[in-house]
Amino acid sequence: KGTDVSRFFPDVVRNVLTTHFELKRLVYMFLAHYVDKDDETRTAALMAINSFQKELQDPNEVVRALALRTLTSFRVDDVRQIQIMAVSACSRDSSEYVRKVAAIAVTKLPRAKALEDEVVGPLLRDSSASVMGSAAAAMLEVCPDRLDLVHPAFRRICASLGQMDEWGQV
C-alpha cells in the first residue's frame, strides 16, 4: 500500500529462523524489499547471512530458492563472494526450480566471468526448458556478446522454445 514499514526490519530479521513456511516466505520477501534501505538495515541483514546459507541446504526446494533469491538481493560488497558461491552451488541443484532461480540470480550480481562460465553456460545446456529459458534471459542481460555459451546447446534451445516461459522465449 506504499507505507514504509522499514522500522520493523530488526524485528522481522529475528523471524528468519521460523519453521512456519508462510511466515518464512513473508519474512524473506520483506528482507529482499528493505535490505538496501539504509546502513542499519544492511547491518541487521548481515546478521542473518548464516541463516540463509543454512536454508540453501533445506530439503524443501522452495525454501532453497527463497533463500537464494533473498541472499542475492543484498547489494553489499562484503557478501559478494558468498553470493557467487551460493549461485554456483544452486545452479547444480537437483531441483529445476532452484536452478531456474539461480539463473535469474545471476542478473542480480555484478558481472563476474566465473558466473558466466560456471553458471550460465551449463544452465543453457540444462535438460529443463524453464531453466534454459531463464539462463537465456540471464545471458542476454549479463553477457550478450558471449555467443560461445549458446553454441553447444543451440539446437536443444531451439527445440525447447515452445516449452519455455515468455521471458525465455524472447
N, C-alpha and C. Protein backbone atom coordinates (compact mmCIF):
# COMPACT_ATOMS: atom_id res chain seq x y z
N LYS A 1 0.81 -1.20 0.00
CA LYS A 1 0.00 0.00 0.00
C LYS A 1 0.85 1.26 0.00
N GLY A 2 2.16 1.10 -0.07
CA GLY A 2 3.04 2.26 -0.14
C GLY A 2 3.49 2.78 1.21
N THR A 3 3.14 2.12 2.29
CA THR A 3 3.55 2.55 3.62
C THR A 3 4.95 2.03 3.91
N ASP A 4 5.82 2.89 4.39
CA ASP A 4 7.18 2.48 4.73
C ASP A 4 7.16 1.78 6.09
N VAL A 5 7.45 0.50 6.09
CA VAL A 5 7.46 -0.28 7.32
C VAL A 5 8.87 -0.76 7.66
N SER A 6 9.86 -0.07 7.15
CA SER A 6 11.25 -0.47 7.38
C SER A 6 11.64 -0.38 8.85
N ARG A 7 10.91 0.36 9.64
CA ARG A 7 11.24 0.47 11.07
C ARG A 7 11.09 -0.87 11.78
N PHE A 8 10.36 -1.80 11.17
CA PHE A 8 10.19 -3.13 11.76
C PHE A 8 11.28 -4.11 11.33
N PHE A 9 12.23 -3.63 10.55
CA PHE A 9 13.25 -4.52 9.98
C PHE A 9 13.97 -5.37 11.03
N PRO A 10 14.49 -4.78 12.12
CA PRO A 10 15.18 -5.62 13.13
C PRO A 10 14.27 -6.71 13.71
N ASP A 11 13.00 -6.39 13.89
CA ASP A 11 12.07 -7.38 14.44
C ASP A 11 11.79 -8.50 13.44
N VAL A 12 11.72 -8.14 12.17
CA VAL A 12 11.46 -9.15 11.14
C VAL A 12 12.67 -10.06 10.96
N VAL A 13 13.87 -9.50 11.04
CA VAL A 13 15.09 -10.31 10.89
C VAL A 13 15.13 -11.42 11.94
N ARG A 14 14.62 -11.16 13.11
CA ARG A 14 14.60 -12.17 14.18
C ARG A 14 13.73 -13.38 13.81
N ASN A 15 12.83 -13.22 12.86
CA ASN A 15 11.94 -14.31 12.46
C ASN A 15 12.48 -15.14 11.30
N VAL A 16 13.71 -14.92 10.91
CA VAL A 16 14.29 -15.66 9.79
C VAL A 16 14.31 -17.16 10.06
N LEU A 17 14.52 -17.54 11.30
CA LEU A 17 14.65 -18.96 11.64
C LEU A 17 13.33 -19.67 11.90
N THR A 18 12.22 -19.04 11.60
CA THR A 18 10.93 -19.67 11.84
C THR A 18 10.78 -20.94 11.00
N THR A 19 10.02 -21.88 11.50
CA THR A 19 9.76 -23.12 10.75
C THR A 19 8.44 -23.06 10.01
N HIS A 20 7.64 -22.05 10.29
CA HIS A 20 6.35 -21.88 9.62
C HIS A 20 6.60 -21.36 8.20
N PHE A 21 6.21 -22.13 7.20
CA PHE A 21 6.58 -21.83 5.81
C PHE A 21 6.04 -20.49 5.33
N GLU A 22 4.78 -20.21 5.56
CA GLU A 22 4.19 -18.96 5.07
C GLU A 22 4.84 -17.74 5.73
N LEU A 23 5.13 -17.84 7.01
CA LEU A 23 5.80 -16.74 7.71
C LEU A 23 7.22 -16.56 7.15
N LYS A 24 7.91 -17.66 6.93
CA LYS A 24 9.26 -17.60 6.36
C LYS A 24 9.24 -16.90 5.00
N ARG A 25 8.26 -17.22 4.21
CA ARG A 25 8.11 -16.62 2.88
C ARG A 25 7.90 -15.10 2.99
N LEU A 26 7.04 -14.68 3.90
CA LEU A 26 6.80 -13.26 4.11
C LEU A 26 8.05 -12.54 4.62
N VAL A 27 8.75 -13.18 5.55
CA VAL A 27 9.98 -12.60 6.09
C VAL A 27 11.00 -12.41 4.98
N TYR A 28 11.17 -13.41 4.15
CA TYR A 28 12.16 -13.32 3.07
C TYR A 28 11.79 -12.23 2.06
N MET A 29 10.51 -12.12 1.74
CA MET A 29 10.08 -11.07 0.81
C MET A 29 10.31 -9.69 1.43
N PHE A 30 10.02 -9.54 2.70
CA PHE A 30 10.24 -8.28 3.40
C PHE A 30 11.72 -7.91 3.39
N LEU A 31 12.58 -8.89 3.72
CA LEU A 31 14.01 -8.63 3.75
C LEU A 31 14.54 -8.23 2.37
N ALA A 32 14.09 -8.93 1.34
CA ALA A 32 14.55 -8.61 -0.02
C ALA A 32 14.13 -7.19 -0.41
N HIS A 33 12.98 -6.77 0.06
CA HIS A 33 12.48 -5.45 -0.30
C HIS A 33 13.20 -4.32 0.43
N TYR A 34 13.50 -4.53 1.71
CA TYR A 34 14.03 -3.44 2.54
C TYR A 34 15.52 -3.54 2.86
N VAL A 35 16.22 -4.53 2.38
CA VAL A 35 17.62 -4.73 2.78
C VAL A 35 18.52 -3.55 2.41
N ASP A 36 18.22 -2.84 1.37
CA ASP A 36 19.06 -1.73 0.94
C ASP A 36 18.53 -0.36 1.35
N LYS A 37 17.64 -0.33 2.28
CA LYS A 37 17.04 0.94 2.70
C LYS A 37 18.08 1.90 3.27
N ASP A 38 18.90 1.39 4.20
CA ASP A 38 19.95 2.23 4.80
C ASP A 38 21.00 1.33 5.43
N ASP A 39 22.01 1.94 6.04
CA ASP A 39 23.10 1.17 6.65
C ASP A 39 22.63 0.30 7.80
N GLU A 40 21.65 0.77 8.54
CA GLU A 40 21.15 0.00 9.67
C GLU A 40 20.49 -1.31 9.22
N THR A 41 19.68 -1.24 8.16
CA THR A 41 19.04 -2.46 7.66
C THR A 41 20.07 -3.40 7.05
N ARG A 42 21.07 -2.86 6.36
CA ARG A 42 22.12 -3.72 5.79
C ARG A 42 22.87 -4.45 6.90
N THR A 43 23.18 -3.76 7.96
CA THR A 43 23.89 -4.37 9.08
C THR A 43 23.04 -5.46 9.73
N ALA A 44 21.78 -5.19 9.94
CA ALA A 44 20.89 -6.19 10.54
C ALA A 44 20.75 -7.40 9.62
N ALA A 45 20.70 -7.16 8.32
CA ALA A 45 20.57 -8.27 7.38
C ALA A 45 21.82 -9.12 7.34
N LEU A 46 22.97 -8.50 7.51
CA LEU A 46 24.22 -9.26 7.50
C LEU A 46 24.26 -10.28 8.63
N MET A 47 23.54 -10.00 9.71
CA MET A 47 23.48 -10.94 10.83
C MET A 47 22.73 -12.21 10.45
N ALA A 48 21.93 -12.15 9.41
CA ALA A 48 21.13 -13.31 9.01
C ALA A 48 21.76 -14.11 7.88
N ILE A 49 22.95 -13.74 7.43
CA ILE A 49 23.60 -14.42 6.31
C ILE A 49 23.77 -15.91 6.58
N ASN A 50 24.20 -16.28 7.78
CA ASN A 50 24.39 -17.70 8.11
C ASN A 50 23.08 -18.47 8.00
N SER A 51 22.00 -17.83 8.36
CA SER A 51 20.69 -18.49 8.26
C SER A 51 20.35 -18.79 6.81
N PHE A 52 20.63 -17.83 5.92
CA PHE A 52 20.35 -18.05 4.50
C PHE A 52 21.23 -19.17 3.95
N GLN A 53 22.47 -19.21 4.38
CA GLN A 53 23.36 -20.27 3.92
C GLN A 53 22.87 -21.64 4.38
N LYS A 54 22.35 -21.72 5.60
CA LYS A 54 21.79 -22.99 6.07
C LYS A 54 20.54 -23.36 5.29
N GLU A 55 19.72 -22.36 4.96
CA GLU A 55 18.49 -22.61 4.22
C GLU A 55 18.77 -23.12 2.80
N LEU A 56 19.94 -22.83 2.27
CA LEU A 56 20.30 -23.33 0.94
C LEU A 56 20.45 -24.85 0.93
N GLN A 57 20.52 -25.47 2.11
CA GLN A 57 20.62 -26.93 2.24
C GLN A 57 19.30 -27.56 2.66
N ASP A 58 18.24 -26.78 2.77
CA ASP A 58 16.94 -27.26 3.23
C ASP A 58 16.38 -28.32 2.27
N PRO A 59 15.68 -29.33 2.77
CA PRO A 59 15.09 -30.35 1.89
C PRO A 59 14.01 -29.79 0.96
N ASN A 60 13.37 -28.69 1.35
CA ASN A 60 12.31 -28.11 0.55
C ASN A 60 12.91 -27.20 -0.52
N GLU A 61 12.60 -27.50 -1.77
CA GLU A 61 13.17 -26.72 -2.89
C GLU A 61 12.71 -25.27 -2.88
N VAL A 62 11.51 -25.01 -2.44
CA VAL A 62 11.00 -23.63 -2.41
C VAL A 62 11.77 -22.81 -1.37
N VAL A 63 12.09 -23.41 -0.25
CA VAL A 63 12.86 -22.72 0.78
C VAL A 63 14.26 -22.42 0.26
N ARG A 64 14.87 -23.39 -0.43
CA ARG A 64 16.21 -23.15 -1.00
C ARG A 64 16.17 -22.00 -2.01
N ALA A 65 15.14 -21.99 -2.86
CA ALA A 65 15.02 -20.94 -3.86
C ALA A 65 14.78 -19.58 -3.21
N LEU A 66 13.92 -19.53 -2.19
CA LEU A 66 13.67 -18.27 -1.48
C LEU A 66 14.94 -17.76 -0.81
N ALA A 67 15.69 -18.65 -0.21
CA ALA A 67 16.94 -18.24 0.45
C ALA A 67 17.92 -17.67 -0.57
N LEU A 68 18.03 -18.30 -1.72
CA LEU A 68 18.93 -17.79 -2.75
C LEU A 68 18.45 -16.45 -3.28
N ARG A 69 17.17 -16.33 -3.54
CA ARG A 69 16.61 -15.08 -4.04
C ARG A 69 16.85 -13.93 -3.04
N THR A 70 16.65 -14.20 -1.76
CA THR A 70 16.85 -13.18 -0.75
C THR A 70 18.32 -12.85 -0.58
N LEU A 71 19.16 -13.87 -0.55
CA LEU A 71 20.60 -13.66 -0.38
C LEU A 71 21.18 -12.82 -1.52
N THR A 72 20.73 -13.05 -2.73
CA THR A 72 21.27 -12.30 -3.87
C THR A 72 20.64 -10.92 -4.01
N SER A 73 19.66 -10.60 -3.20
CA SER A 73 19.09 -9.26 -3.25
C SER A 73 19.91 -8.27 -2.43
N PHE A 74 20.86 -8.77 -1.62
CA PHE A 74 21.73 -7.90 -0.83
C PHE A 74 22.72 -7.23 -1.77
N ARG A 75 22.81 -5.93 -1.71
CA ARG A 75 23.78 -5.20 -2.52
C ARG A 75 24.89 -4.68 -1.62
N VAL A 76 25.56 -5.63 -0.97
CA VAL A 76 26.62 -5.32 -0.04
C VAL A 76 27.87 -6.05 -0.51
N ASP A 77 28.93 -5.31 -0.73
CA ASP A 77 30.16 -5.91 -1.26
C ASP A 77 30.76 -6.96 -0.35
N ASP A 78 30.50 -6.85 0.95
CA ASP A 78 31.07 -7.80 1.92
C ASP A 78 30.58 -9.23 1.71
N VAL A 79 29.42 -9.40 1.11
CA VAL A 79 28.87 -10.76 0.94
C VAL A 79 28.90 -11.21 -0.53
N ARG A 80 29.55 -10.46 -1.38
CA ARG A 80 29.56 -10.78 -2.81
C ARG A 80 30.10 -12.18 -3.08
N GLN A 81 31.19 -12.57 -2.43
CA GLN A 81 31.77 -13.89 -2.65
C GLN A 81 30.83 -14.99 -2.18
N ILE A 82 30.14 -14.77 -1.08
CA ILE A 82 29.17 -15.74 -0.57
C ILE A 82 28.03 -15.89 -1.58
N GLN A 83 27.59 -14.79 -2.15
CA GLN A 83 26.52 -14.83 -3.14
C GLN A 83 26.95 -15.61 -4.38
N ILE A 84 28.16 -15.37 -4.84
CA ILE A 84 28.67 -16.06 -6.04
C ILE A 84 28.75 -17.56 -5.78
N MET A 85 29.25 -17.95 -4.60
CA MET A 85 29.33 -19.38 -4.27
C MET A 85 27.94 -20.00 -4.17
N ALA A 86 26.98 -19.26 -3.60
CA ALA A 86 25.62 -19.78 -3.45
C ALA A 86 24.96 -19.97 -4.82
N VAL A 87 25.12 -19.01 -5.71
CA VAL A 87 24.54 -19.14 -7.05
C VAL A 87 25.18 -20.30 -7.79
N SER A 88 26.48 -20.43 -7.67
CA SER A 88 27.18 -21.52 -8.34
C SER A 88 26.70 -22.88 -7.81
N ALA A 89 26.57 -23.00 -6.50
CA ALA A 89 26.11 -24.27 -5.91
C ALA A 89 24.66 -24.56 -6.31
N CYS A 90 23.80 -23.56 -6.28
CA CYS A 90 22.40 -23.77 -6.61
C CYS A 90 22.18 -24.04 -8.10
N SER A 91 23.12 -23.64 -8.92
CA SER A 91 22.99 -23.93 -10.36
C SER A 91 23.16 -25.42 -10.64
N ARG A 92 23.68 -26.15 -9.67
CA ARG A 92 23.86 -27.61 -9.81
C ARG A 92 22.87 -28.37 -8.93
N ASP A 93 21.86 -27.70 -8.42
CA ASP A 93 20.87 -28.31 -7.53
C ASP A 93 20.06 -29.37 -8.27
N SER A 94 19.52 -30.32 -7.55
CA SER A 94 18.71 -31.38 -8.16
C SER A 94 17.35 -30.87 -8.63
N SER A 95 16.89 -29.77 -8.05
CA SER A 95 15.58 -29.21 -8.39
C SER A 95 15.70 -28.23 -9.55
N GLU A 96 14.86 -28.41 -10.55
CA GLU A 96 14.88 -27.47 -11.68
C GLU A 96 14.41 -26.08 -11.26
N TYR A 97 13.54 -26.00 -10.27
CA TYR A 97 13.08 -24.70 -9.78
C TYR A 97 14.24 -23.90 -9.16
N VAL A 98 15.07 -24.56 -8.38
CA VAL A 98 16.22 -23.90 -7.76
C VAL A 98 17.22 -23.49 -8.83
N ARG A 99 17.44 -24.34 -9.82
CA ARG A 99 18.36 -23.99 -10.92
C ARG A 99 17.83 -22.78 -11.69
N LYS A 100 16.52 -22.72 -11.89
CA LYS A 100 15.92 -21.58 -12.58
C LYS A 100 16.14 -20.30 -11.78
N VAL A 101 15.93 -20.35 -10.48
CA VAL A 101 16.16 -19.18 -9.63
C VAL A 101 17.64 -18.80 -9.64
N ALA A 102 18.54 -19.78 -9.72
CA ALA A 102 19.97 -19.49 -9.80
C ALA A 102 20.29 -18.73 -11.09
N ALA A 103 19.65 -19.11 -12.18
CA ALA A 103 19.86 -18.39 -13.45
C ALA A 103 19.39 -16.95 -13.33
N ILE A 104 18.26 -16.74 -12.70
CA ILE A 104 17.75 -15.38 -12.52
C ILE A 104 18.64 -14.59 -11.56
N ALA A 105 19.19 -15.27 -10.56
CA ALA A 105 20.03 -14.61 -9.56
C ALA A 105 21.32 -14.07 -10.18
N VAL A 106 21.77 -14.67 -11.27
CA VAL A 106 22.98 -14.18 -11.93
C VAL A 106 22.82 -12.73 -12.35
N THR A 107 21.61 -12.35 -12.72
CA THR A 107 21.37 -10.98 -13.18
C THR A 107 21.44 -9.96 -12.04
N LYS A 108 21.32 -10.43 -10.80
CA LYS A 108 21.34 -9.52 -9.66
C LYS A 108 22.76 -9.19 -9.20
N LEU A 109 23.72 -9.97 -9.64
CA LEU A 109 25.09 -9.79 -9.18
C LEU A 109 25.90 -9.03 -10.22
N PRO A 110 26.93 -8.32 -9.77
CA PRO A 110 27.77 -7.63 -10.74
C PRO A 110 28.42 -8.64 -11.69
N ARG A 111 28.72 -8.17 -12.85
CA ARG A 111 29.29 -9.05 -13.87
C ARG A 111 30.52 -9.77 -13.35
N ALA A 112 30.47 -11.08 -13.39
CA ALA A 112 31.58 -11.91 -12.94
C ALA A 112 31.83 -12.98 -13.98
N LYS A 113 33.03 -13.04 -14.49
CA LYS A 113 33.39 -14.01 -15.52
C LYS A 113 33.11 -15.44 -15.05
N ALA A 114 33.37 -15.71 -13.78
CA ALA A 114 33.15 -17.06 -13.25
C ALA A 114 31.69 -17.47 -13.36
N LEU A 115 30.76 -16.53 -13.11
CA LEU A 115 29.34 -16.85 -13.21
C LEU A 115 28.94 -17.14 -14.65
N GLU A 116 29.52 -16.44 -15.59
CA GLU A 116 29.20 -16.69 -16.99
C GLU A 116 29.59 -18.11 -17.38
N ASP A 117 30.80 -18.50 -17.04
CA ASP A 117 31.31 -19.80 -17.46
C ASP A 117 30.78 -20.96 -16.62
N GLU A 118 30.68 -20.75 -15.29
CA GLU A 118 30.29 -21.84 -14.40
C GLU A 118 28.79 -21.99 -14.21
N VAL A 119 28.03 -20.94 -14.47
CA VAL A 119 26.60 -20.99 -14.20
C VAL A 119 25.79 -20.85 -15.49
N VAL A 120 25.95 -19.77 -16.21
CA VAL A 120 25.12 -19.51 -17.38
C VAL A 120 25.33 -20.58 -18.45
N GLY A 121 26.58 -20.88 -18.76
CA GLY A 121 26.87 -21.89 -19.79
C GLY A 121 26.22 -23.24 -19.51
N PRO A 122 26.49 -23.84 -18.33
CA PRO A 122 25.85 -25.12 -18.02
C PRO A 122 24.32 -25.06 -17.96
N LEU A 123 23.76 -23.95 -17.47
CA LEU A 123 22.30 -23.85 -17.39
C LEU A 123 21.67 -23.71 -18.77
N LEU A 124 22.41 -23.18 -19.73
CA LEU A 124 21.90 -23.14 -21.11
C LEU A 124 21.80 -24.54 -21.70
N ARG A 125 22.58 -25.46 -21.16
CA ARG A 125 22.57 -26.85 -21.64
C ARG A 125 21.72 -27.76 -20.74
N ASP A 126 20.94 -27.17 -19.84
CA ASP A 126 20.12 -27.93 -18.90
C ASP A 126 19.04 -28.72 -19.64
N SER A 127 18.58 -29.79 -19.01
CA SER A 127 17.54 -30.61 -19.64
C SER A 127 16.14 -30.00 -19.50
N SER A 128 15.97 -29.05 -18.60
CA SER A 128 14.68 -28.43 -18.37
C SER A 128 14.53 -27.17 -19.22
N ALA A 129 13.40 -27.05 -19.89
CA ALA A 129 13.15 -25.88 -20.74
C ALA A 129 13.02 -24.61 -19.92
N SER A 130 12.42 -24.69 -18.73
CA SER A 130 12.28 -23.48 -17.91
C SER A 130 13.64 -22.97 -17.44
N VAL A 131 14.55 -23.88 -17.13
CA VAL A 131 15.90 -23.48 -16.72
C VAL A 131 16.64 -22.88 -17.91
N MET A 132 16.54 -23.52 -19.07
CA MET A 132 17.19 -22.99 -20.27
C MET A 132 16.68 -21.59 -20.61
N GLY A 133 15.38 -21.39 -20.49
CA GLY A 133 14.80 -20.09 -20.79
C GLY A 133 15.30 -19.01 -19.86
N SER A 134 15.36 -19.31 -18.57
CA SER A 134 15.88 -18.33 -17.61
C SER A 134 17.36 -18.07 -17.83
N ALA A 135 18.10 -19.11 -18.18
CA ALA A 135 19.52 -18.95 -18.45
C ALA A 135 19.74 -18.10 -19.71
N ALA A 136 18.89 -18.29 -20.71
CA ALA A 136 19.00 -17.48 -21.93
C ALA A 136 18.69 -16.01 -21.63
N ALA A 137 17.68 -15.77 -20.82
CA ALA A 137 17.35 -14.39 -20.45
C ALA A 137 18.48 -13.78 -19.64
N ALA A 138 19.08 -14.56 -18.75
CA ALA A 138 20.21 -14.07 -17.95
C ALA A 138 21.41 -13.78 -18.83
N MET A 139 21.65 -14.66 -19.80
CA MET A 139 22.77 -14.45 -20.71
C MET A 139 22.61 -13.16 -21.49
N LEU A 140 21.41 -12.90 -21.97
CA LEU A 140 21.17 -11.67 -22.73
C LEU A 140 21.37 -10.42 -21.89
N GLU A 141 21.12 -10.52 -20.61
CA GLU A 141 21.29 -9.37 -19.74
C GLU A 141 22.72 -9.22 -19.24
N VAL A 142 23.36 -10.33 -18.90
CA VAL A 142 24.67 -10.29 -18.27
C VAL A 142 25.82 -10.30 -19.27
N CYS A 143 25.71 -11.15 -20.26
CA CYS A 143 26.82 -11.30 -21.21
C CYS A 143 26.29 -11.56 -22.63
N PRO A 144 25.64 -10.57 -23.23
CA PRO A 144 25.01 -10.78 -24.54
C PRO A 144 26.01 -11.06 -25.67
N ASP A 145 27.26 -10.72 -25.47
CA ASP A 145 28.27 -10.94 -26.50
C ASP A 145 28.91 -12.32 -26.44
N ARG A 146 28.54 -13.14 -25.45
CA ARG A 146 29.15 -14.46 -25.27
C ARG A 146 28.34 -15.54 -26.01
N LEU A 147 28.31 -15.47 -27.32
CA LEU A 147 27.58 -16.45 -28.11
C LEU A 147 28.20 -17.85 -28.02
N ASP A 148 29.45 -17.92 -27.60
CA ASP A 148 30.09 -19.22 -27.43
C ASP A 148 29.39 -20.05 -26.35
N LEU A 149 28.68 -19.40 -25.43
CA LEU A 149 27.93 -20.14 -24.41
C LEU A 149 26.69 -20.80 -25.01
N VAL A 150 26.13 -20.19 -26.04
CA VAL A 150 24.91 -20.72 -26.66
C VAL A 150 25.23 -21.85 -27.63
N HIS A 151 26.37 -21.78 -28.27
CA HIS A 151 26.70 -22.70 -29.36
C HIS A 151 26.48 -24.18 -29.03
N PRO A 152 26.98 -24.71 -27.91
CA PRO A 152 26.81 -26.15 -27.65
C PRO A 152 25.35 -26.59 -27.47
N ALA A 153 24.47 -25.67 -27.11
CA ALA A 153 23.08 -26.05 -26.82
C ALA A 153 22.09 -25.42 -27.79
N PHE A 154 22.56 -24.85 -28.87
CA PHE A 154 21.69 -24.08 -29.75
C PHE A 154 20.49 -24.89 -30.27
N ARG A 155 20.73 -26.09 -30.77
CA ARG A 155 19.64 -26.90 -31.32
C ARG A 155 18.63 -27.28 -30.25
N ARG A 156 19.11 -27.64 -29.07
CA ARG A 156 18.20 -28.02 -28.00
C ARG A 156 17.39 -26.81 -27.53
N ILE A 157 18.01 -25.64 -27.50
CA ILE A 157 17.29 -24.43 -27.11
C ILE A 157 16.18 -24.14 -28.12
N CYS A 158 16.51 -24.26 -29.39
CA CYS A 158 15.50 -24.01 -30.43
C CYS A 158 14.35 -25.02 -30.33
N ALA A 159 14.66 -26.27 -30.06
CA ALA A 159 13.63 -27.30 -29.96
C ALA A 159 12.75 -27.09 -28.73
N SER A 160 13.28 -26.46 -27.70
CA SER A 160 12.54 -26.27 -26.45
C SER A 160 11.85 -24.93 -26.34
N LEU A 161 11.93 -24.10 -27.36
CA LEU A 161 11.36 -22.76 -27.29
C LEU A 161 9.88 -22.74 -26.90
N GLY A 162 9.11 -23.66 -27.41
CA GLY A 162 7.69 -23.71 -27.12
C GLY A 162 7.39 -24.03 -25.67
N GLN A 163 8.31 -24.67 -24.97
CA GLN A 163 8.10 -25.05 -23.58
C GLN A 163 8.62 -24.02 -22.59
N MET A 164 9.37 -23.04 -23.08
CA MET A 164 9.95 -22.02 -22.20
C MET A 164 8.88 -21.00 -21.81
N ASP A 165 9.13 -20.31 -20.69
CA ASP A 165 8.23 -19.23 -20.32
C ASP A 165 8.43 -18.04 -21.26
N GLU A 166 7.60 -17.04 -21.14
CA GLU A 166 7.60 -15.92 -22.08
C GLU A 166 8.94 -15.21 -22.14
N TRP A 167 9.58 -14.99 -20.99
CA TRP A 167 10.84 -14.27 -20.95
C TRP A 167 11.95 -15.07 -21.62
N GLY A 168 11.93 -16.36 -21.45
CA GLY A 168 12.92 -17.22 -22.09
C GLY A 168 12.72 -17.27 -23.59
N GLN A 169 11.47 -17.24 -24.03
CA GLN A 169 11.20 -17.27 -25.47
C GLN A 169 11.71 -16.01 -26.16
N VAL A 170 11.59 -14.88 -25.50
CA VAL A 170 12.07 -13.63 -26.09
C VAL A 170 13.57 -13.73 -26.29
